[in-house]
């Protein structure tokens, strides 16, 4: 499986799930499904405000963002009670329904630490190419947020509070170069 893929034109971006809370209505989860201005494993960056229009349109139609299991539209496992943009990214809060078989399975896997990812399913409405070959995503049509095995954006998980180090691109490039140098040295000595 690649970093992102499309099915019927939908794209998926993966992030990591955080902590959960058991409630009478199911397992409550919350956190960030997406962070703004962070390069994901596919080289894409979501710009601030990218979800705004889509969320407004869903609200106007009386619809919401779906909570799915592994992007499978035949397996809804809960309800997102709150989906909103803030200064950090796309915040989600919802409940995994324990009355649904796959919901019970998902809750057990989360509790065991086997599943900890979130992934957004969306259509790109507006984007531009970046100098690094990725995309700057400026408008997205959000369809669903899924619980998944492998997140695309490692910092976006249930329970994620957005407390991230502020690291610029040059620092990341230096770190990547240092790691590559170490890998090459190890390969020569092997």
Protein backbone atom coordinates (compact mmCIF):
# COMPACT_ATOMS: atom_id res chain seq x y z
CA UNK A 1 0.00 0.00 0.00
CA UNK A 2 1.34 3.45 -0.90
CA UNK A 3 1.32 6.56 1.21
CA UNK A 4 -1.99 7.59 -0.28
CA UNK A 5 -4.28 6.06 -2.82
CA UNK A 6 -7.51 6.79 -4.59
CA UNK A 7 -10.70 4.79 -4.84
CA UNK A 8 -13.41 6.35 -6.97
CA UNK A 9 -11.49 9.63 -6.84
CA UNK A 10 -11.24 9.73 -3.04
CA UNK A 11 -7.82 10.26 -1.50
CA UNK A 12 -6.74 9.14 1.96
CA UNK A 13 -4.27 10.64 4.43
CA UNK A 14 -3.31 8.74 7.56
CA UNK A 15 -2.60 10.05 11.06
CA UNK A 16 -2.10 8.42 14.45
CA UNK A 17 -4.82 7.86 17.07
CA UNK A 18 -4.37 8.83 20.74
CA UNK A 19 -6.18 8.10 24.01
CA UNK A 20 -9.80 6.96 24.42
CA UNK A 21 -12.48 7.15 27.12
CA UNK A 22 -15.33 4.66 27.72
CA UNK A 23 -18.75 6.35 27.94
CA UNK A 24 -22.32 5.07 28.14
CA UNK A 25 -22.69 5.85 24.43
CA UNK A 26 -19.52 4.02 23.36
CA UNK A 27 -15.80 4.74 23.30
CA UNK A 28 -15.14 8.49 23.15
CA UNK A 29 -12.18 9.55 21.05
CA UNK A 30 -10.84 12.96 20.17
CA UNK A 31 -7.74 14.52 18.71
CA UNK A 32 -6.42 15.90 15.47
CA UNK A 33 -7.09 14.06 12.22
CA UNK A 34 -4.88 16.50 10.32
CA UNK A 35 -2.37 19.22 11.18
CA UNK A 36 -1.84 22.30 9.06
CA UNK A 37 1.54 23.16 7.57
CA UNK A 38 3.12 19.74 8.19
CA UNK A 39 4.57 17.63 5.39
CA UNK A 40 3.02 14.17 5.45
CA UNK A 41 4.63 10.95 4.26
CA UNK A 42 3.29 11.58 0.74
CA UNK A 43 4.96 15.01 0.51
CA UNK A 44 1.69 16.94 0.84
CA UNK A 45 0.89 19.85 3.14
CA UNK A 46 -2.63 20.85 4.16
CA UNK A 47 -3.04 24.64 4.27
CA UNK A 48 -4.98 26.44 6.99
CA UNK A 49 -8.62 26.75 6.00
CA UNK A 50 -8.55 23.83 3.53
CA UNK A 51 -11.55 22.11 5.17
CA UNK A 52 -13.66 25.21 5.89
CA UNK A 53 -15.89 25.30 2.82
CA UNK A 54 -16.53 21.54 2.94
CA UNK A 55 -17.49 21.63 6.63
CA UNK A 56 -19.80 24.60 6.01
CA UNK A 57 -21.50 22.81 3.10
CA UNK A 58 -22.02 19.63 5.13
CA UNK A 59 -23.52 21.64 7.99
CA UNK A 60 -25.84 23.52 5.62
CA UNK A 61 -27.09 20.18 4.25
CA UNK A 62 -27.56 18.72 7.75
CA UNK A 63 -24.92 16.06 7.09
CA UNK A 64 -21.72 15.13 8.85
CA UNK A 65 -18.34 13.57 8.28
CA UNK A 66 -18.55 9.77 8.50
CA UNK A 67 -16.52 7.62 10.92
CA UNK A 68 -15.42 4.48 9.08
CA UNK A 69 -13.25 1.45 9.74
CA UNK A 70 -10.21 1.35 7.41
CA UNK A 71 -11.96 3.56 4.78
CA UNK A 72 -14.58 0.89 4.12
CA UNK A 73 -17.91 2.63 3.40
CA UNK A 74 -19.71 -0.60 4.33
CA UNK A 75 -18.25 -0.43 7.84
CA UNK A 76 -19.28 2.70 9.74
CA UNK A 77 -18.20 2.24 13.36
CA UNK A 78 -19.28 5.41 15.09
CA UNK A 79 -20.20 9.05 14.92
CA UNK A 80 -18.11 12.18 14.78
CA UNK A 81 -19.95 14.55 17.11
CA UNK A 82 -17.57 17.42 16.38
CA UNK A 83 -15.37 18.11 13.36
CA UNK A 84 -13.84 21.57 13.12
CA UNK A 85 -10.82 23.51 11.99
CA UNK A 86 -8.81 25.49 14.51
CA UNK A 87 -5.39 27.14 14.40
CA UNK A 88 -3.62 23.73 14.55
CA UNK A 89 -5.60 21.58 12.15
CA UNK A 90 -8.70 19.41 11.82
CA UNK A 91 -9.98 18.52 15.29
CA UNK A 92 -12.37 15.57 15.66
CA UNK A 93 -14.34 14.27 18.62
CA UNK A 94 -16.71 11.33 18.47
CA UNK A 95 -17.82 7.95 19.71
CA UNK A 96 -17.02 4.44 18.53
CA UNK A 97 -20.32 2.60 18.89
CA UNK A 98 -20.02 -0.55 20.97
CA UNK A 99 -23.38 -1.80 19.62
CA UNK A 100 -21.71 -2.27 16.22
CA UNK A 101 -19.62 -5.45 15.88
CA UNK A 102 -16.76 -3.72 14.05
CA UNK A 103 -16.95 -0.91 16.63
CA UNK A 104 -16.38 -3.42 19.45
CA UNK A 105 -13.45 -4.87 17.50
CA UNK A 106 -11.99 -1.41 16.88
CA UNK A 107 -12.34 -0.51 20.57
CA UNK A 108 -10.56 -3.71 21.61
CA UNK A 109 -7.74 -3.11 19.12
CA UNK A 110 -7.32 0.49 20.30
CA UNK A 111 -7.27 -0.57 23.93
CA UNK A 112 -4.60 -3.19 23.15
CA UNK A 113 -2.52 -0.63 21.24
CA UNK A 114 -2.82 -2.48 17.92
CA UNK A 115 -4.67 0.39 16.21
CA UNK A 116 -3.81 4.01 16.81
CA UNK A 117 -4.24 5.79 13.49
CA UNK A 118 -6.70 8.16 11.92
CA UNK A 119 -7.01 8.82 8.21
CA UNK A 120 -9.01 11.37 6.27
CA UNK A 121 -10.90 10.49 3.10
CA UNK A 122 -11.32 13.51 0.82
CA UNK A 123 -11.34 14.91 -2.68
CA UNK A 124 -8.85 17.58 -3.62
CA UNK A 125 -10.66 20.69 -4.85
CA UNK A 126 -7.67 23.08 -5.05
CA UNK A 127 -3.95 22.41 -4.80
CA UNK A 128 -0.62 23.51 -6.19
CA UNK A 129 2.71 21.78 -6.66
CA UNK A 130 5.45 22.47 -4.14
CA UNK A 131 9.17 22.83 -4.86
CA UNK A 132 9.76 19.44 -3.19
CA UNK A 133 7.39 17.63 -5.58
CA UNK A 134 4.46 17.36 -3.18
CA UNK A 135 1.26 19.36 -3.11
CA UNK A 136 -0.04 22.28 -1.08
CA UNK A 137 -3.68 21.33 -0.49
CA UNK A 138 -5.74 24.54 -0.19
CA UNK A 139 -9.30 23.22 -0.51
CA UNK A 140 -10.48 19.72 0.34
CA UNK A 141 -13.91 18.10 0.24
CA UNK A 142 -13.87 16.04 3.44
CA UNK A 143 -15.92 12.83 3.29
CA UNK A 144 -14.78 10.73 6.21
CA UNK A 145 -12.29 10.18 9.00
CA UNK A 146 -11.37 6.51 9.51
CA UNK A 147 -9.67 4.51 12.20
CA UNK A 148 -6.73 2.81 10.48
CA UNK A 149 -3.67 0.67 11.05
CA UNK A 150 -1.04 2.87 9.35
CA UNK A 151 -1.27 6.66 9.71
CA UNK A 152 0.06 8.99 7.00
CA UNK A 153 0.76 11.92 9.31
CA UNK A 154 2.46 10.42 12.39
CA UNK A 155 1.60 13.35 14.69
CA UNK A 156 -2.16 13.30 14.05
CA UNK A 157 -3.78 10.73 16.31
CA UNK A 158 -6.65 10.37 18.70
CA UNK A 159 -5.70 12.27 21.80
CA UNK A 160 -3.22 14.41 19.88
CA UNK A 161 -3.21 17.87 21.42
CA UNK A 162 -1.02 19.59 18.86
CA UNK A 163 1.94 20.09 21.19
CA UNK A 164 4.62 19.69 18.56
CA UNK A 165 8.14 20.96 18.29
CA UNK A 166 8.44 23.94 15.99
CA UNK A 167 11.10 22.68 13.59
CA UNK A 168 11.87 24.46 10.33
CA UNK A 169 12.59 22.75 7.00
CA UNK A 170 16.36 23.37 7.15
CA UNK A 171 16.60 21.52 10.48
CA UNK A 172 14.67 18.59 9.02
CA UNK A 173 16.90 18.55 5.92
CA UNK A 174 20.02 18.56 8.14
CA UNK A 175 18.62 15.69 10.22
CA UNK A 176 17.75 13.72 7.07
CA UNK A 177 21.27 14.28 5.66
CA UNK A 178 22.87 13.16 8.93
CA UNK A 179 20.73 10.00 9.00
CA UNK A 180 21.56 9.27 5.34
CA UNK A 181 25.29 9.71 6.06
CA UNK A 182 25.00 7.29 9.00
CA UNK A 183 23.11 4.78 6.85
CA UNK A 184 25.78 4.93 4.11
CA UNK A 185 28.58 4.50 6.67
CA UNK A 186 26.83 1.45 8.16
CA UNK A 187 26.28 -0.01 4.70
CA UNK A 188 30.02 0.36 3.86
CA UNK A 189 31.00 -1.34 7.13
CA UNK A 190 28.53 -4.22 6.76
